[in-house]
Amino acid sequence: METIVALHRNHFGEIINFVTSGGRVISYQKAIIEAENGDLQGVQSIEGFDGAPTLMPLNDSSFDHYPNLF
């Protein structure tokens, strides 16, 4: 099972893609779907403030410590 190891942010600082331990670059939406299906380890899909699904790391409160790869 893959985990998230890095991410890509846009110029506003918003996460737009994730890099998995398998080397895949997946969109935020694809990561939500994979987390809901149990295909990504270490993250969970939760309901955000606006009611839309969002991702949260299981052992942390944010993705701030993940490297930002370009």
PDB file of N, CA and C in Angstrom:
ATOM      1  N   MET A   1       0.848  -1.182   0.000  1.00  0.00           N
ATOM      2  CA  MET A   1       0.000   0.000   0.000  1.00  0.00           C
ATOM      3  C   MET A   1       0.893   1.243   0.000  1.00  0.00           C
ATOM      4  N   GLU A   2       0.504   2.225  -0.755  1.00  0.00           N
ATOM      5  CA  GLU A   2       1.295   3.439  -0.888  1.00  0.00           C
ATOM      6  C   GLU A   2       0.974   4.452   0.215  1.00  0.00           C
ATOM      7  N   THR A   3       1.924   5.340   0.435  1.00  0.00           N
ATOM      8  CA  THR A   3       1.750   6.463   1.347  1.00  0.00           C
ATOM      9  C   THR A   3       2.079   7.747   0.595  1.00  0.00           C
ATOM     10  N   ILE A   4       1.720   8.872   1.166  1.00  0.00           N
ATOM     11  CA  ILE A   4       2.077  10.163   0.592  1.00  0.00           C
ATOM     12  C   ILE A   4       3.441  10.562   1.133  1.00  0.00           C
ATOM     13  N   VAL A   5       4.347  10.932   0.226  1.00  0.00           N
ATOM     14  CA  VAL A   5       5.707  11.292   0.643  1.00  0.00           C
ATOM     15  C   VAL A   5       6.056  12.740   0.340  1.00  0.00           C
ATOM     16  N   ALA A   6       5.311  13.374  -0.553  1.00  0.00           N
ATOM     17  CA  ALA A   6       5.570  14.773  -0.906  1.00  0.00           C
ATOM     18  C   ALA A   6       4.314  15.339  -1.555  1.00  0.00           C
ATOM     19  N   LEU A   7       4.377  16.620  -1.874  1.00  0.00           N
ATOM     20  CA  LEU A   7       3.215  17.268  -2.486  1.00  0.00           C
ATOM     21  C   LEU A   7       3.651  18.387  -3.397  1.00  0.00           C
ATOM     22  N   HIS A   8       2.709  18.869  -4.172  1.00  0.00           N
ATOM     23  CA  HIS A   8       2.912  20.043  -5.031  1.00  0.00           C
ATOM     24  C   HIS A   8       1.910  21.090  -4.604  1.00  0.00           C
ATOM     25  N   ARG A   9       2.365  22.312  -4.478  1.00  0.00           N
ATOM     26  CA  ARG A   9       1.477  23.435  -4.133  1.00  0.00           C
ATOM     27  C   ARG A   9       1.438  24.419  -5.292  1.00  0.00           C
ATOM     28  N   ASN A  10       0.309  25.097  -5.434  1.00  0.00           N
ATOM     29  CA  ASN A  10       0.231  26.155  -6.438  1.00  0.00           C
ATOM     30  C   ASN A  10       0.813  27.446  -5.857  1.00  0.00           C
ATOM     31  N   HIS A  11       0.778  28.525  -6.618  1.00  0.00           N
ATOM     32  CA  HIS A  11       1.388  29.776  -6.153  1.00  0.00           C
ATOM     33  C   HIS A  11       0.604  30.432  -5.013  1.00  0.00           C
ATOM     34  N   PHE A  12      -0.591  29.915  -4.700  1.00  0.00           N
ATOM     35  CA  PHE A  12      -1.359  30.386  -3.540  1.00  0.00           C
ATOM     36  C   PHE A  12      -1.033  29.559  -2.289  1.00  0.00           C
ATOM     37  N   GLY A  13      -0.213  28.512  -2.442  1.00  0.00           N
ATOM     38  CA  GLY A  13       0.129  27.646  -1.325  1.00  0.00           C
ATOM     39  C   GLY A  13      -0.834  26.496  -1.112  1.00  0.00           C
ATOM     40  N   GLU A  14      -1.790  26.333  -2.033  1.00  0.00           N
ATOM     41  CA  GLU A  14      -2.772  25.248  -1.914  1.00  0.00           C
ATOM     42  C   GLU A  14      -2.201  23.964  -2.504  1.00  0.00           C
ATOM     43  N   ILE A  15      -2.468  22.854  -1.849  1.00  0.00           N
ATOM     44  CA  ILE A  15      -2.006  21.561  -2.349  1.00  0.00           C
ATOM     45  C   ILE A  15      -2.819  21.208  -3.590  1.00  0.00           C
ATOM     46  N   ILE A  16      -2.109  20.874  -4.676  1.00  0.00           N
ATOM     47  CA  ILE A  16      -2.804  20.493  -5.903  1.00  0.00           C
ATOM     48  C   ILE A  16      -2.526  19.052  -6.301  1.00  0.00           C
ATOM     49  N   ASN A  17      -1.368  18.506  -5.922  1.00  0.00           N
ATOM     50  CA  ASN A  17      -0.996  17.123  -6.231  1.00  0.00           C
ATOM     51  C   ASN A  17      -0.228  16.518  -5.070  1.00  0.00           C
ATOM     52  N   PHE A  18      -0.256  15.198  -5.017  1.00  0.00           N
ATOM     53  CA  PHE A  18       0.531  14.458  -4.045  1.00  0.00           C
ATOM     54  C   PHE A  18       1.470  13.515  -4.781  1.00  0.00           C
ATOM     55  N   VAL A  19       2.628  13.251  -4.189  1.00  0.00           N
ATOM     56  CA  VAL A  19       3.562  12.256  -4.697  1.00  0.00           C
ATOM     57  C   VAL A  19       3.487  11.069  -3.742  1.00  0.00           C
ATOM     58  N   THR A  20       3.285   9.876  -4.300  1.00  0.00           N
ATOM     59  CA  THR A  20       3.155   8.679  -3.472  1.00  0.00           C
ATOM     60  C   THR A  20       4.493   7.959  -3.336  1.00  0.00           C
ATOM     61  N   SER A  21       4.546   7.033  -2.394  1.00  0.00           N
ATOM     62  CA  SER A  21       5.756   6.244  -2.189  1.00  0.00           C
ATOM     63  C   SER A  21       6.076   5.384  -3.408  1.00  0.00           C
ATOM     64  N   GLY A  22       5.098   5.149  -4.259  1.00  0.00           N
ATOM     65  CA  GLY A  22       5.312   4.410  -5.493  1.00  0.00           C
ATOM     66  C   GLY A  22       5.784   5.287  -6.646  1.00  0.00           C
ATOM     67  N   GLY A  23       5.944   6.593  -6.390  1.00  0.00           N
ATOM     68  CA  GLY A  23       6.424   7.510  -7.405  1.00  0.00           C
ATOM     69  C   GLY A  23       5.335   8.135  -8.262  1.00  0.00           C
ATOM     70  N   ARG A  24       4.083   7.831  -7.966  1.00  0.00           N
ATOM     71  CA  ARG A  24       2.987   8.420  -8.745  1.00  0.00           C
ATOM     72  C   ARG A  24       2.720   9.835  -8.281  1.00  0.00           C
ATOM     73  N   VAL A  25       2.319  10.673  -9.209  1.00  0.00           N
ATOM     74  CA  VAL A  25       1.831  12.015  -8.899  1.00  0.00           C
ATOM     75  C   VAL A  25       0.328  11.965  -9.140  1.00  0.00           C
ATOM     76  N   ILE A  26      -0.448  12.178  -8.058  1.00  0.00           N
ATOM     77  CA  ILE A  26      -1.902  12.092  -8.172  1.00  0.00           C
ATOM     78  C   ILE A  26      -2.528  13.410  -7.732  1.00  0.00           C
ATOM     79  N   SER A  27      -3.655  13.723  -8.320  1.00  0.00           N
ATOM     80  CA  SER A  27      -4.357  14.963  -7.977  1.00  0.00           C
ATOM     81  C   SER A  27      -4.921  14.861  -6.567  1.00  0.00           C
ATOM     82  N   TYR A  28      -5.283  16.001  -6.027  1.00  0.00           N
ATOM     83  CA  TYR A  28      -5.895  16.043  -4.693  1.00  0.00           C
ATOM     84  C   TYR A  28      -7.174  15.203  -4.686  1.00  0.00           C
ATOM     85  N   GLN A  29      -7.990  15.351  -5.735  1.00  0.00           N
ATOM     86  CA  GLN A  29      -9.251  14.602  -5.805  1.00  0.00           C
ATOM     87  C   GLN A  29      -9.003  13.103  -5.888  1.00  0.00           C
ATOM     88  N   LYS A  30      -8.023  12.688  -6.686  1.00  0.00           N
ATOM     89  CA  LYS A  30      -7.681  11.264  -6.795  1.00  0.00           C
ATOM     90  C   LYS A  30      -7.188  10.736  -5.452  1.00  0.00           C
ATOM     91  N   ALA A  31      -6.427  11.532  -4.723  1.00  0.00           N
ATOM     92  CA  ALA A  31      -5.944  11.118  -3.403  1.00  0.00           C
ATOM     93  C   ALA A  31      -7.111  10.921  -2.434  1.00  0.00           C
ATOM     94  N   ILE A  32      -8.114  11.784  -2.505  1.00  0.00           N
ATOM     95  CA  ILE A  32      -9.296  11.629  -1.654  1.00  0.00           C
ATOM     96  C   ILE A  32      -9.993  10.312  -1.973  1.00  0.00           C
ATOM     97  N   ILE A  33     -10.170  10.031  -3.253  1.00  0.00           N
ATOM     98  CA  ILE A  33     -10.835   8.787  -3.671  1.00  0.00           C
ATOM     99  C   ILE A  33     -10.039   7.573  -3.206  1.00  0.00           C
ATOM    100  N   GLU A  34      -8.729   7.606  -3.390  1.00  0.00           N
ATOM    101  CA  GLU A  34      -7.898   6.474  -2.975  1.00  0.00           C
ATOM    102  C   GLU A  34      -7.896   6.304  -1.461  1.00  0.00           C
ATOM    103  N   ALA A  35      -7.916   7.398  -0.721  1.00  0.00           N
ATOM    104  CA  ALA A  35      -7.981   7.304   0.746  1.00  0.00           C
ATOM    105  C   ALA A  35      -9.312   6.692   1.175  1.00  0.00           C
ATOM    106  N   GLU A  36     -10.407   7.109   0.541  1.00  0.00           N
ATOM    107  CA  GLU A  36     -11.726   6.559   0.870  1.00  0.00           C
ATOM    108  C   GLU A  36     -11.819   5.079   0.534  1.00  0.00           C
ATOM    109  N   ASN A  37     -11.105   4.638  -0.513  1.00  0.00           N
ATOM    110  CA  ASN A  37     -11.104   3.230  -0.918  1.00  0.00           C
ATOM    111  C   ASN A  37     -10.099   2.393  -0.139  1.00  0.00           C
ATOM    112  N   GLY A  38      -9.304   3.039   0.719  1.00  0.00           N
ATOM    113  CA  GLY A  38      -8.301   2.319   1.496  1.00  0.00           C
ATOM    114  C   GLY A  38      -7.029   2.025   0.734  1.00  0.00           C
ATOM    115  N   ASP A  39      -6.802   2.714  -0.374  1.00  0.00           N
ATOM    116  CA  ASP A  39      -5.613   2.483  -1.194  1.00  0.00           C
ATOM    117  C   ASP A  39      -4.417   3.337  -0.791  1.00  0.00           C
ATOM    118  N   LEU A  40      -4.625   4.354   0.030  1.00  0.00           N
ATOM    119  CA  LEU A  40      -3.534   5.195   0.535  1.00  0.00           C
ATOM    120  C   LEU A  40      -3.464   5.043   2.050  1.00  0.00           C
ATOM    121  N   GLN A  41      -2.307   4.718   2.541  1.00  0.00           N
ATOM    122  CA  GLN A  41      -2.101   4.534   3.969  1.00  0.00           C
ATOM    123  C   GLN A  41      -1.637   5.844   4.598  1.00  0.00           C
ATOM    124  N   GLY A  42      -2.078   6.107   5.818  1.00  0.00           N
ATOM    125  CA  GLY A  42      -1.599   7.258   6.575  1.00  0.00           C
ATOM    126  C   GLY A  42      -2.404   8.528   6.406  1.00  0.00           C
ATOM    127  N   VAL A  43      -3.480   8.481   5.620  1.00  0.00           N
ATOM    128  CA  VAL A  43      -4.348   9.639   5.430  1.00  0.00           C
ATOM    129  C   VAL A  43      -5.804   9.201   5.537  1.00  0.00           C
ATOM    130  N   GLN A  44      -6.641  10.167   5.836  1.00  0.00           N
ATOM    131  CA  GLN A  44      -8.071   9.899   5.870  1.00  0.00           C
ATOM    132  C   GLN A  44      -8.819  11.036   5.199  1.00  0.00           C
ATOM    133  N   SER A  45      -9.945  10.702   4.617  1.00  0.00           N
ATOM    134  CA  SER A  45     -10.810  11.704   4.014  1.00  0.00           C
ATOM    135  C   SER A  45     -11.814  12.144   5.071  1.00  0.00           C
ATOM    136  N   ILE A  46     -11.890  13.452   5.298  1.00  0.00           N
ATOM    137  CA  ILE A  46     -12.842  13.993   6.264  1.00  0.00           C
ATOM    138  C   ILE A  46     -13.645  15.105   5.605  1.00  0.00           C
ATOM    139  N   GLU A  47     -14.725  15.493   6.230  1.00  0.00           N
ATOM    140  CA  GLU A  47     -15.517  16.601   5.725  1.00  0.00           C
ATOM    141  C   GLU A  47     -14.871  17.910   6.152  1.00  0.00           C
ATOM    142  N   GLY A  48     -14.597  18.780   5.188  1.00  0.00           N
ATOM    143  CA  GLY A  48     -13.979  20.059   5.468  1.00  0.00           C
ATOM    144  C   GLY A  48     -14.979  21.073   5.975  1.00  0.00           C
ATOM    145  N   PHE A  49     -14.495  22.261   6.263  1.00  0.00           N
ATOM    146  CA  PHE A  49     -15.340  23.341   6.773  1.00  0.00           C
ATOM    147  C   PHE A  49     -16.465  23.701   5.809  1.00  0.00           C
ATOM    148  N   ASP A  50     -16.187  23.549   4.505  1.00  0.00           N
ATOM    149  CA  ASP A  50     -17.189  23.890   3.498  1.00  0.00           C
ATOM    150  C   ASP A  50     -18.076  22.706   3.125  1.00  0.00           C
ATOM    151  N   GLY A  51     -17.897  21.579   3.807  1.00  0.00           N
ATOM    152  CA  GLY A  51     -18.702  20.395   3.541  1.00  0.00           C
ATOM    153  C   GLY A  51     -18.119  19.471   2.488  1.00  0.00           C
ATOM    154  N   ALA A  52     -17.091  19.921   1.796  1.00  0.00           N
ATOM    155  CA  ALA A  52     -16.437  19.097   0.774  1.00  0.00           C
ATOM    156  C   ALA A  52     -15.406  18.183   1.431  1.00  0.00           C
ATOM    157  N   PRO A  53     -15.146  17.019   0.841  1.00  0.00           N
ATOM    158  CA  PRO A  53     -14.129  16.133   1.410  1.00  0.00           C
ATOM    159  C   PRO A  53     -12.739  16.755   1.329  1.00  0.00           C
ATOM    160  N   THR A  54     -11.942  16.497   2.334  1.00  0.00           N
ATOM    161  CA  THR A  54     -10.559  16.969   2.372  1.00  0.00           C
ATOM    162  C   THR A  54      -9.695  15.867   2.969  1.00  0.00           C
ATOM    163  N   LEU A  55      -8.410  15.938   2.765  1.00  0.00           N
ATOM    164  CA  LEU A  55      -7.492  14.925   3.294  1.00  0.00           C
ATOM    165  C   LEU A  55      -6.799  15.425   4.548  1.00  0.00           C
ATOM    166  N   MET A  56      -6.595  14.519   5.478  1.00  0.00           N
ATOM    167  CA  MET A  56      -5.834  14.800   6.695  1.00  0.00           C
ATOM    168  C   MET A  56      -4.884  13.635   6.951  1.00  0.00           C
ATOM    169  N   PRO A  57      -3.648  13.937   7.315  1.00  0.00           N
ATOM    170  CA  PRO A  57      -2.747  12.856   7.737  1.00  0.00           C
ATOM    171  C   PRO A  57      -3.257  12.271   9.054  1.00  0.00           C
ATOM    172  N   LEU A  58      -3.099  10.978   9.230  1.00  0.00           N
ATOM    173  CA  LEU A  58      -3.586  10.319  10.445  1.00  0.00           C
ATOM    174  C   LEU A  58      -2.774  10.689  11.676  1.00  0.00           C
ATOM    175  N   ASN A  59      -1.487  10.911  11.521  1.00  0.00           N
ATOM    176  CA  ASN A  59      -0.638  11.144  12.692  1.00  0.00           C
ATOM    177  C   ASN A  59      -0.201  12.593  12.841  1.00  0.00           C
ATOM    178  N   ASP A  60      -0.859  13.498  12.124  1.00  0.00           N
ATOM    179  CA  ASP A  60      -0.470  14.907  12.144  1.00  0.00           C
ATOM    180  C   ASP A  60      -1.705  15.749  11.866  1.00  0.00           C
ATOM    181  N   SER A  61      -1.604  17.027  12.104  1.00  0.00           N
ATOM    182  CA  SER A  61      -2.752  17.888  11.871  1.00  0.00           C
ATOM    183  C   SER A  61      -2.705  18.584  10.509  1.00  0.00           C
ATOM    184  N   SER A  62      -1.578  18.463   9.801  1.00  0.00           N
ATOM    185  CA  SER A  62      -1.479  19.116   8.499  1.00  0.00           C
ATOM    186  C   SER A  62      -0.381  18.453   7.665  1.00  0.00           C
ATOM    187  N   PHE A  63      -0.290  18.877   6.417  1.00  0.00           N
ATOM    188  CA  PHE A  63       0.749  18.400   5.512  1.00  0.00           C
ATOM    189  C   PHE A  63       1.943  19.356   5.470  1.00  0.00           C
ATOM    190  N   ASP A  64       2.047  20.262   6.429  1.00  0.00           N
ATOM    191  CA  ASP A  64       3.087  21.297   6.393  1.00  0.00           C
ATOM    192  C   ASP A  64       4.505  20.750   6.403  1.00  0.00           C
ATOM    193  N   HIS A  65       4.747  19.598   7.011  1.00  0.00           N
ATOM    194  CA  HIS A  65       6.109  19.075   7.081  1.00  0.00           C
ATOM    195  C   HIS A  65       6.500  18.230   5.871  1.00  0.00           C
ATOM    196  N   TYR A  66       5.557  17.992   4.947  1.00  0.00           N
ATOM    197  CA  TYR A  66       5.861  17.223   3.749  1.00  0.00           C
ATOM    198  C   TYR A  66       6.651  18.105   2.771  1.00  0.00           C
ATOM    199  N   PRO A  67       7.631  17.528   2.089  1.00  0.00           N
ATOM    200  CA  PRO A  67       8.396  18.333   1.125  1.00  0.00           C
ATOM    201  C   PRO A  67       7.517  18.783  -0.036  1.00  0.00           C
ATOM    202  N   ASN A  68       7.787  19.966  -0.534  1.00  0.00           N
ATOM    203  CA  ASN A  68       7.074  20.516  -1.681  1.00  0.00           C
ATOM    204  C   ASN A  68       7.950  20.294  -2.913  1.00  0.00           C
ATOM    205  N   LEU A  69       7.578  19.320  -3.729  1.00  0.00           N
ATOM    206  CA  LEU A  69       8.345  18.999  -4.925  1.00  0.00           C
ATOM    207  C   LEU A  69       7.743  19.689  -6.132  1.00  0.00           C
ATOM    208  N   PHE A  70       8.602  20.080  -7.056  1.00  0.00           N
ATOM    209  CA  PHE A  70       8.142  20.770  -8.266  1.00  0.00           C
ATOM    210  C   PHE A  70       8.301  19.903  -9.468  1.00  0.00           C
TER     211      PHE A  70
END
